[in-house]
Protein backbone atom coordinates (compact mmCIF):
# COMPACT_ATOMS: atom_id res chain seq x y z
CA MET A 1 -24.23 -14.57 24.85
CA THR A 2 -25.81 -11.36 23.39
CA TRP A 3 -25.41 -10.28 19.38
CA MET A 4 -23.71 -7.23 21.13
CA ASN A 5 -20.82 -9.83 22.58
CA ALA A 6 -20.90 -12.11 19.71
CA SER A 7 -20.31 -9.66 17.37
CA LEU A 8 -17.71 -8.37 19.25
CA ARG A 9 -16.13 -11.46 19.91
CA ALA A 10 -16.08 -11.91 15.57
CA PHE A 11 -14.50 -8.39 15.20
CA VAL A 12 -11.62 -9.47 17.80
CA ILE A 13 -11.24 -12.74 15.77
CA PHE A 14 -11.64 -10.97 12.82
CA VAL A 15 -8.94 -8.41 13.40
CA TYR A 16 -6.66 -10.79 14.83
CA PHE A 17 -6.37 -12.72 11.34
CA VAL A 18 -6.17 -9.79 9.20
CA VAL A 19 -3.22 -8.43 11.75
CA ALA A 20 -1.58 -11.80 11.97
CA THR A 21 -1.84 -12.86 8.35
CA VAL A 22 -2.12 -10.11 5.83
CA TRP A 23 -0.72 -7.11 8.27
CA LEU A 24 2.10 -8.46 9.85
CA PRO A 25 4.01 -10.58 6.72
CA ASN A 26 3.87 -7.49 4.58
CA PHE A 27 5.17 -5.09 7.12
CA VAL A 28 8.17 -8.45 7.63
CA VAL A 29 8.59 -8.25 4.20
CA ARG A 30 9.18 -4.17 3.78
CA LEU A 31 12.18 -4.61 6.92
CA GLY A 32 15.46 -3.73 5.25
CA SER A 33 17.28 -7.15 6.06
CA VAL A 34 14.13 -9.33 4.42
CA ALA A 35 13.47 -6.88 1.19
CA SER A 36 17.34 -7.46 0.39
CA ALA A 37 17.16 -10.81 0.66
CA SER A 38 17.03 -13.17 -2.63
CA SER A 39 13.46 -14.13 -3.20
CA PHE A 40 13.81 -17.26 -2.14
CA VAL A 41 14.62 -16.41 1.32
CA LYS A 42 11.63 -13.59 1.58
CA ASP A 43 9.25 -15.90 0.39
CA SER A 44 10.29 -18.74 3.52
CA VAL A 45 9.90 -15.75 5.56
CA VAL A 46 7.21 -14.23 5.10
CA LEU A 47 5.48 -17.78 4.69
CA ALA A 48 6.41 -18.74 8.40
CA VAL A 49 5.48 -15.48 9.45
CA TRP A 50 2.01 -15.94 7.58
CA GLY A 51 2.09 -19.72 8.88
CA ALA A 52 2.78 -18.95 12.24
CA GLY A 53 0.08 -16.47 12.63
CA LEU A 54 -2.31 -18.48 11.10
CA VAL A 55 -1.53 -21.64 13.30
CA ALA A 56 -1.73 -19.63 16.62
CA GLY A 57 -4.92 -18.05 15.66
CA LEU A 58 -6.64 -21.42 15.11
CA TRP A 59 -4.68 -22.84 18.24
CA LEU A 60 -6.21 -19.65 20.33
CA LEU A 61 -9.54 -20.22 18.88
CA ARG A 62 -9.83 -24.21 19.66
CA SER A 63 -8.33 -22.78 23.44
CA ALA A 64 -11.59 -20.49 23.17
CA GLN A 65 -13.94 -22.89 21.77
CA ARG A 66 -12.90 -25.32 24.95
CA ARG A 67 -13.13 -22.77 27.79
CA GLY A 68 -16.35 -21.90 26.45
CA ILE A 69 -15.33 -18.08 25.32
CA ILE A 70 -16.49 -18.67 21.80
């Protein structure tokens, strides 16, 4: 694997985790129905979205490792 190829793969992984664990929860918390909910519901929804993004990312990393992609 070349440095360029490894750098591109690392950048894709970085972008995924930024989108899934930073941007998406922030987007969801600003939705009208979530924004107007109580703080407990809002925090629970954002936690679920963040956790799903994190767990999916870790599962994708492990799957890619098993296949020899990374």
